[in-house]
C-alpha cells in the first residue's frame, strides 16, 4: 500500500484565509470586516463581499477611495489577536494570492505595540488583472507613524487596504498566509 507523503510546502505555510468558509469568516475563525475613512470623517465608499473571480473563490474589496474631508482609504480588516497567527515570529512574512484592477494596494499589520489608529506597518503590492502570488517579507514592511520596529510575535490585526489617492478599488484575495520559506516554484512575486 502506498504511503502518503506530506506536501513539502504545507509545513512552511500557516493559512490565515483561503476562502473555504464561504462566508465572512477566515480559516482562523475570525471575521473580515470593512473599515472606511468614514470612521474619521472621510467619504470613501466600500463593499466587502464573497465572490468567485477567474475560477477562484475570493474576498473582494471594492469601492471609491476619496481624499475629501481628509479621507483616503477603504480596508478589509481581520483580527488575528487570539489565533495561531498572533505569534508569527517563526515566519518570514505574508503571502497573498491576489487579482485586481492593476492598482497598487497595501497590506497593513498592527501589533500590540500599535496604540494609535493611524499607526501601522505597511507593505505595498500591485494587483494585476490576472491571479498572482505576492510575497511580502516582514523585513520589507515600513513603519508608519510609529518608532518601534515590527515585532511579528505580537500581531493583532491584518488589513488589506486601498489607500492614499483617489481611485476605484477592486481587489480580490483568494489566499492569505504566513510563510517560513517558499521555493521559487511556489512563489511568483515580491510586491511591486
Protein backbone atom coordinates (compact mmCIF):
# COMPACT_ATOMS: atom_id res chain seq x y z
CA UNK A 1 0.00 0.00 0.00
CA UNK A 2 1.47 3.41 -0.94
CA UNK A 3 2.32 5.76 1.88
CA UNK A 4 1.05 9.32 1.58
CA UNK A 5 3.79 11.91 1.68
CA UNK A 6 3.10 15.28 3.18
CA UNK A 7 3.05 18.34 1.00
CA UNK A 8 6.61 19.72 1.30
CA UNK A 9 5.31 23.29 1.35
CA UNK A 10 2.40 22.76 3.78
CA UNK A 11 4.55 22.90 6.91
CA UNK A 12 6.10 26.15 5.69
CA UNK A 13 2.76 27.98 5.46
CA UNK A 14 0.12 28.92 8.03
CA UNK A 15 -3.15 29.59 6.21
CA UNK A 16 -4.92 32.65 7.56
CA UNK A 17 -7.63 32.56 4.91
CA UNK A 18 -8.21 30.59 1.73
CA UNK A 19 -11.94 31.32 1.39
CA UNK A 20 -13.02 27.75 2.16
CA UNK A 21 -15.53 29.01 4.76
CA UNK A 22 -17.72 30.60 2.08
CA UNK A 23 -18.69 33.48 4.36
CA UNK A 24 -17.01 36.41 6.09
CA UNK A 25 -15.03 34.15 8.42
CA UNK A 26 -11.36 33.45 7.77
CA UNK A 27 -9.80 30.00 8.08
CA UNK A 28 -8.79 31.10 11.61
CA UNK A 29 -12.44 31.64 12.56
CA UNK A 30 -12.30 35.43 12.89
CA UNK A 31 -14.45 37.56 10.60
CA UNK A 32 -13.34 40.04 7.98
CA UNK A 33 -14.88 43.48 8.35
CA UNK A 34 -15.00 46.58 6.19
CA UNK A 35 -13.45 49.78 7.57
CA UNK A 36 -13.51 53.07 5.66
CA UNK A 37 -12.23 56.55 6.36
CA UNK A 38 -15.79 57.35 7.46
CA UNK A 39 -14.59 56.50 10.99
CA UNK A 40 -12.54 59.73 10.75
CA UNK A 41 -14.98 61.88 8.77
CA UNK A 42 -13.91 60.84 5.28
CA UNK A 43 -16.33 59.97 2.49
CA UNK A 44 -14.72 56.93 0.84
CA UNK A 45 -17.22 54.21 -0.01
CA UNK A 46 -16.55 50.47 0.08
CA UNK A 47 -18.01 46.98 -0.11
CA UNK A 48 -16.64 43.66 1.09
CA UNK A 49 -18.14 40.54 -0.48
CA UNK A 50 -17.50 36.88 -1.12
CA UNK A 51 -17.09 36.30 -4.84
CA UNK A 52 -15.73 33.96 -7.48
CA UNK A 53 -13.39 35.64 -9.95
CA UNK A 54 -11.39 33.86 -12.63
CA UNK A 55 -12.46 30.49 -11.25
CA UNK A 56 -11.28 31.20 -7.67
CA UNK A 57 -13.29 31.95 -4.56
CA UNK A 58 -12.13 35.22 -3.07
CA UNK A 59 -12.76 38.03 -0.66
CA UNK A 60 -13.48 41.07 -2.82
CA UNK A 61 -12.86 44.63 -1.70
CA UNK A 62 -14.44 47.27 -3.93
CA UNK A 63 -15.05 50.93 -3.50
CA UNK A 64 -14.22 54.51 -4.32
CA UNK A 65 -11.33 56.00 -2.37
CA UNK A 66 -11.81 59.74 -1.87
CA UNK A 67 -9.41 62.28 -0.38
CA UNK A 68 -12.24 64.62 0.59
CA UNK A 69 -12.64 65.55 4.29
CA UNK A 70 -9.08 64.30 4.98
CA UNK A 71 -10.07 60.78 3.97
CA UNK A 72 -8.38 58.31 1.74
CA UNK A 73 -8.91 54.60 2.48
CA UNK A 74 -11.10 51.54 2.21
CA UNK A 75 -9.94 48.46 4.14
CA UNK A 76 -10.70 44.78 4.72
CA UNK A 77 -9.62 44.17 8.31
CA UNK A 78 -9.04 40.85 10.09
CA UNK A 79 -8.40 40.44 13.81
CA UNK A 80 -5.76 37.74 14.47
CA UNK A 81 -5.13 38.57 18.13
CA UNK A 82 -6.30 35.30 19.71
CA UNK A 83 -5.39 32.96 16.83
CA UNK A 84 -2.44 30.83 15.75
CA UNK A 85 -1.28 33.75 13.55
CA UNK A 86 -0.79 36.12 16.50
CA UNK A 87 2.76 34.88 17.08
CA UNK A 88 4.29 35.00 13.60
CA UNK A 89 7.87 35.08 14.92
CA UNK A 90 8.61 31.72 13.29
CA UNK A 91 7.67 33.03 9.83
CA UNK A 92 9.40 35.26 7.28
CA UNK A 93 6.37 37.19 6.06
CA UNK A 94 2.94 37.19 4.45
CA UNK A 95 1.93 35.61 1.16
CA UNK A 96 -1.21 36.52 -0.81
CA UNK A 97 -2.94 35.30 -3.95
CA UNK A 98 -4.48 38.43 -5.47
CA UNK A 99 -6.19 39.74 -8.56
CA UNK A 100 -7.39 43.24 -9.23
CA UNK A 101 -7.60 46.23 -11.48
CA UNK A 102 -3.86 46.90 -11.95
CA UNK A 103 -3.73 49.25 -8.95
CA UNK A 104 -1.32 49.31 -6.02
CA UNK A 105 -2.72 48.25 -2.65
CA UNK A 106 -1.25 47.92 0.83
CA UNK A 107 -1.06 45.24 3.46
CA UNK A 108 -1.08 46.82 6.94
CA UNK A 109 -0.06 44.99 10.10
CA UNK A 110 -0.95 46.11 13.58
CA UNK A 111 0.77 44.68 16.64
CA UNK A 112 0.37 45.07 20.39
CA UNK A 113 2.89 47.94 20.06
CA UNK A 114 0.49 49.98 17.92
CA UNK A 115 -1.55 52.31 20.09
CA UNK A 116 -3.00 54.88 17.66
CA UNK A 117 -5.42 54.29 14.75
CA UNK A 118 -3.05 55.93 12.25
CA UNK A 119 -0.06 53.73 13.16
CA UNK A 120 0.80 50.55 11.27
CA UNK A 121 3.47 48.59 9.45
CA UNK A 122 2.94 48.75 5.68
CA UNK A 123 3.93 46.97 2.51
CA UNK A 124 2.63 47.73 -1.00
CA UNK A 125 1.76 45.31 -3.79
CA UNK A 126 0.17 45.51 -7.21
CA UNK A 127 -2.94 43.51 -8.05
CA UNK A 128 -2.91 42.78 -11.77
CA UNK A 129 -5.78 41.62 -13.96
CA UNK A 130 -4.51 38.02 -13.62
CA UNK A 131 -4.16 35.99 -10.44
CA UNK A 132 -0.69 36.27 -8.95
CA UNK A 133 1.06 35.28 -5.76
CA UNK A 134 2.74 38.08 -3.83
CA UNK A 135 5.26 37.52 -1.03
CA UNK A 136 5.75 40.34 1.48
CA UNK A 137 8.65 39.66 3.87
CA UNK A 138 8.36 41.19 7.34
CA UNK A 139 11.75 42.83 6.72
CA UNK A 140 10.16 44.88 3.91
CA UNK A 141 7.34 46.41 5.96
CA UNK A 142 7.73 50.13 6.60
CA UNK A 143 6.83 51.74 9.92
CA UNK A 144 4.09 54.34 9.59
CA UNK A 145 3.97 56.92 12.38
CA UNK A 146 5.45 54.52 14.92
CA UNK A 147 9.01 54.34 16.25
CA UNK A 148 9.07 50.71 17.33
CA UNK A 149 10.24 48.09 14.83
CA UNK A 150 7.79 45.43 13.66
CA UNK A 151 7.60 42.52 16.11
CA UNK A 152 5.86 39.61 14.32
CA UNK A 153 5.42 37.83 17.67
CA UNK A 154 2.77 40.43 18.60
CA UNK A 155 0.39 40.51 15.61
CA UNK A 156 -3.13 41.69 16.34
CA UNK A 157 -4.68 42.74 13.03
CA UNK A 158 -4.12 42.47 9.28
CA UNK A 159 -5.58 45.00 6.88
CA UNK A 160 -5.81 44.84 3.10
CA UNK A 161 -6.08 48.47 2.10
CA UNK A 162 -6.83 50.74 -0.84
CA UNK A 163 -5.25 53.98 0.38
CA UNK A 164 -3.65 57.31 -0.27
CA UNK A 165 -5.08 58.55 -3.56
CA UNK A 166 -8.46 58.90 -5.22
CA UNK A 167 -9.21 55.78 -7.26
CA UNK A 168 -11.68 52.95 -7.82
CA UNK A 169 -10.62 49.92 -5.79
CA UNK A 170 -11.34 46.38 -6.95
CA UNK A 171 -9.19 43.75 -5.25
CA UNK A 172 -9.75 40.01 -4.86
CA UNK A 173 -7.83 37.91 -2.32
CA UNK A 174 -8.04 34.13 -2.64
CA UNK A 175 -5.35 33.21 -0.12
CA UNK A 176 -3.61 34.94 2.77
CA UNK A 177 -0.96 33.06 4.75
CA UNK A 178 2.23 33.34 6.74
CA UNK A 179 5.26 31.72 5.14
CA UNK A 180 8.52 30.33 6.50
CA UNK A 181 10.21 29.52 3.24
CA UNK A 182 8.67 29.29 -0.18
CA UNK A 183 10.58 27.87 -3.09
CA UNK A 184 10.62 29.94 -6.28
CA UNK A 185 8.24 27.46 -7.91
CA UNK A 186 5.66 28.23 -5.23
CA UNK A 187 6.12 31.99 -5.28
CA UNK A 188 5.85 34.34 -8.21
CA UNK A 189 6.42 37.85 -6.94
CA UNK A 190 7.58 40.03 -4.06
CA UNK A 191 5.28 43.02 -4.17
CA UNK A 192 5.64 45.96 -6.51
